[in-house]
């Protein structure tokens, strides 16, 4: 198995670890925080898409 240093996940892990080291916090907590932020943004995008879909159905019925 070859280690790929330029894969996105590896670089993200390094960036989170460096940020945590500078602040003196736990890198695992920062990773969870980033994931929750992503999930929050994804849920907002999903909600907008759902509203647009419902709006298209309603406008199509008129």
N, C-alpha and C. Protein backbone atom coordinates (compact mmCIF):
# COMPACT_ATOMS: atom_id res chain seq x y z
N UNK A 1 0.85 -1.19 0.00
CA UNK A 1 0.00 0.00 0.00
C UNK A 1 0.88 1.24 0.00
N UNK A 2 0.63 2.12 -0.91
CA UNK A 2 1.44 3.33 -1.03
C UNK A 2 0.73 4.50 -0.38
N UNK A 3 1.46 5.27 0.41
CA UNK A 3 0.88 6.44 1.08
C UNK A 3 0.88 7.62 0.12
N UNK A 4 -0.26 8.18 -0.08
CA UNK A 4 -0.39 9.33 -0.97
C UNK A 4 -0.45 10.60 -0.12
N UNK A 5 0.58 11.41 -0.22
CA UNK A 5 0.66 12.61 0.62
C UNK A 5 -0.22 13.74 0.12
N UNK A 6 -0.66 13.65 -1.11
CA UNK A 6 -1.43 14.75 -1.66
C UNK A 6 -2.91 14.43 -1.80
N UNK A 7 -3.36 13.39 -1.12
CA UNK A 7 -4.79 13.10 -1.15
C UNK A 7 -5.52 14.12 -0.28
N UNK A 8 -6.75 14.42 -0.63
CA UNK A 8 -7.51 15.46 0.07
C UNK A 8 -7.72 15.16 1.54
N UNK A 9 -8.03 13.92 1.87
CA UNK A 9 -8.29 13.57 3.27
C UNK A 9 -7.04 13.72 4.11
N UNK A 10 -5.89 13.31 3.58
CA UNK A 10 -4.63 13.42 4.32
C UNK A 10 -4.29 14.88 4.59
N UNK A 11 -4.44 15.72 3.58
CA UNK A 11 -4.13 17.14 3.75
C UNK A 11 -5.09 17.81 4.73
N UNK A 12 -6.36 17.42 4.70
CA UNK A 12 -7.33 17.97 5.64
C UNK A 12 -6.97 17.60 7.06
N UNK A 13 -6.54 16.36 7.28
CA UNK A 13 -6.15 15.91 8.61
C UNK A 13 -4.95 16.70 9.10
N UNK A 14 -3.98 16.94 8.24
CA UNK A 14 -2.80 17.72 8.63
C UNK A 14 -3.19 19.15 8.98
N UNK A 15 -4.07 19.75 8.18
CA UNK A 15 -4.48 21.14 8.45
C UNK A 15 -5.20 21.24 9.79
N UNK A 16 -6.07 20.29 10.09
CA UNK A 16 -6.81 20.30 11.35
C UNK A 16 -5.85 20.11 12.52
N UNK A 17 -4.89 19.20 12.37
CA UNK A 17 -3.93 18.95 13.45
C UNK A 17 -3.07 20.18 13.70
N UNK A 18 -2.65 20.87 12.65
CA UNK A 18 -1.84 22.08 12.83
C UNK A 18 -2.63 23.17 13.53
N UNK A 19 -3.88 23.35 13.12
CA UNK A 19 -4.71 24.37 13.74
C UNK A 19 -4.93 24.07 15.22
N UNK A 20 -5.15 22.80 15.53
CA UNK A 20 -5.36 22.40 16.92
C UNK A 20 -4.09 22.60 17.73
N UNK A 21 -2.94 22.32 17.14
CA UNK A 21 -1.67 22.48 17.86
C UNK A 21 -1.42 23.96 18.17
N UNK A 22 -1.77 24.83 17.25
CA UNK A 22 -1.58 26.26 17.49
C UNK A 22 -2.47 26.75 18.62
N UNK A 23 -3.69 26.22 18.69
CA UNK A 23 -4.62 26.67 19.73
C UNK A 23 -4.50 25.85 21.00
N UNK A 24 -3.82 24.72 20.93
CA UNK A 24 -3.69 23.87 22.10
C UNK A 24 -4.95 23.09 22.41
N UNK A 25 -5.73 22.77 21.40
CA UNK A 25 -6.97 22.03 21.61
C UNK A 25 -6.84 20.61 21.05
N UNK A 26 -7.90 19.86 21.20
CA UNK A 26 -7.93 18.46 20.77
C UNK A 26 -8.26 18.38 19.28
N UNK A 27 -7.39 17.75 18.47
CA UNK A 27 -7.66 17.67 17.02
C UNK A 27 -8.93 16.89 16.69
N UNK A 28 -9.27 15.89 17.49
CA UNK A 28 -10.49 15.12 17.21
C UNK A 28 -11.73 15.99 17.38
N UNK A 29 -11.70 16.89 18.38
CA UNK A 29 -12.84 17.79 18.58
C UNK A 29 -12.98 18.74 17.40
N UNK A 30 -11.85 19.23 16.89
CA UNK A 30 -11.89 20.13 15.73
C UNK A 30 -12.42 19.41 14.50
N UNK A 31 -12.06 18.14 14.33
CA UNK A 31 -12.55 17.38 13.18
C UNK A 31 -14.05 17.21 13.28
N UNK A 32 -14.54 16.90 14.48
CA UNK A 32 -15.99 16.77 14.66
C UNK A 32 -16.68 18.09 14.38
N UNK A 33 -16.06 19.19 14.81
CA UNK A 33 -16.64 20.51 14.58
C UNK A 33 -16.74 20.81 13.08
N UNK A 34 -15.69 20.48 12.33
CA UNK A 34 -15.71 20.71 10.89
C UNK A 34 -16.75 19.84 10.20
N UNK A 35 -16.89 18.61 10.66
CA UNK A 35 -17.89 17.72 10.06
C UNK A 35 -19.28 18.24 10.35
N UNK A 36 -19.53 18.71 11.57
CA UNK A 36 -20.85 19.22 11.91
C UNK A 36 -21.16 20.49 11.12
N UNK A 37 -20.15 21.33 10.90
CA UNK A 37 -20.36 22.52 10.09
C UNK A 37 -20.76 22.13 8.67
N UNK A 38 -20.08 21.13 8.13
CA UNK A 38 -20.40 20.65 6.79
C UNK A 38 -21.82 20.08 6.74
N UNK A 39 -22.17 19.30 7.75
CA UNK A 39 -23.51 18.70 7.79
C UNK A 39 -24.56 19.80 7.91
N UNK A 40 -24.27 20.84 8.70
CA UNK A 40 -25.20 21.96 8.83
C UNK A 40 -25.42 22.68 7.51
N UNK A 41 -24.33 22.92 6.80
CA UNK A 41 -24.45 23.58 5.50
C UNK A 41 -25.18 22.70 4.50
N UNK A 42 -24.91 21.41 4.55
CA UNK A 42 -25.58 20.48 3.64
C UNK A 42 -27.08 20.44 3.91
N UNK A 43 -27.46 20.51 5.18
CA UNK A 43 -28.89 20.48 5.49
C UNK A 43 -29.58 21.76 5.02
N UNK A 44 -28.90 22.89 5.07
CA UNK A 44 -29.48 24.14 4.58
C UNK A 44 -29.67 24.06 3.06
N UNK A 45 -28.68 23.56 2.37
CA UNK A 45 -28.79 23.41 0.91
C UNK A 45 -29.93 22.45 0.56
N UNK A 46 -30.04 21.37 1.31
CA UNK A 46 -31.12 20.40 1.07
C UNK A 46 -32.48 21.04 1.30
N UNK A 47 -32.59 21.86 2.34
CA UNK A 47 -33.87 22.53 2.62
C UNK A 47 -34.25 23.48 1.49
N UNK A 48 -33.27 24.24 0.98
CA UNK A 48 -33.56 25.14 -0.15
C UNK A 48 -33.99 24.36 -1.39
N UNK A 49 -33.33 23.25 -1.66
CA UNK A 49 -33.71 22.43 -2.81
C UNK A 49 -35.12 21.88 -2.65
N UNK A 50 -35.46 21.46 -1.44
CA UNK A 50 -36.80 20.93 -1.19
C UNK A 50 -37.85 22.02 -1.40
N UNK A 51 -37.57 23.23 -0.90
CA UNK A 51 -38.53 24.33 -1.09
C UNK A 51 -38.68 24.68 -2.57
N UNK A 52 -37.58 24.65 -3.31
CA UNK A 52 -37.65 24.94 -4.75
C UNK A 52 -38.46 23.86 -5.47
N UNK A 53 -38.28 22.62 -5.07
CA UNK A 53 -39.02 21.52 -5.68
C UNK A 53 -40.51 21.65 -5.41
N UNK A 54 -40.87 21.93 -4.16
CA UNK A 54 -42.28 22.11 -3.80
C UNK A 54 -42.86 23.32 -4.54
N UNK A 55 -42.09 24.40 -4.61
CA UNK A 55 -42.55 25.59 -5.34
C UNK A 55 -42.79 25.29 -6.81
N UNK A 56 -41.92 24.50 -7.41
CA UNK A 56 -42.11 24.14 -8.82
C UNK A 56 -43.36 23.30 -9.01
N UNK A 57 -43.64 22.42 -8.07
CA UNK A 57 -44.86 21.61 -8.15
C UNK A 57 -46.10 22.50 -8.01
N UNK A 58 -46.07 23.41 -7.04
CA UNK A 58 -47.22 24.29 -6.82
C UNK A 58 -47.45 25.19 -8.03
N UNK A 59 -46.39 25.76 -8.57
CA UNK A 59 -46.55 26.62 -9.74
C UNK A 59 -47.01 25.83 -10.96
N UNK A 60 -46.64 24.58 -11.03
CA UNK A 60 -47.07 23.74 -12.14
C UNK A 60 -48.54 23.40 -12.07
N UNK A 61 -49.12 23.42 -10.88
CA UNK A 61 -50.53 23.08 -10.71
C UNK A 61 -51.44 24.25 -11.04
N UNK A 62 -50.92 25.47 -10.99
CA UNK A 62 -51.76 26.65 -11.21
C UNK A 62 -52.05 26.82 -12.69
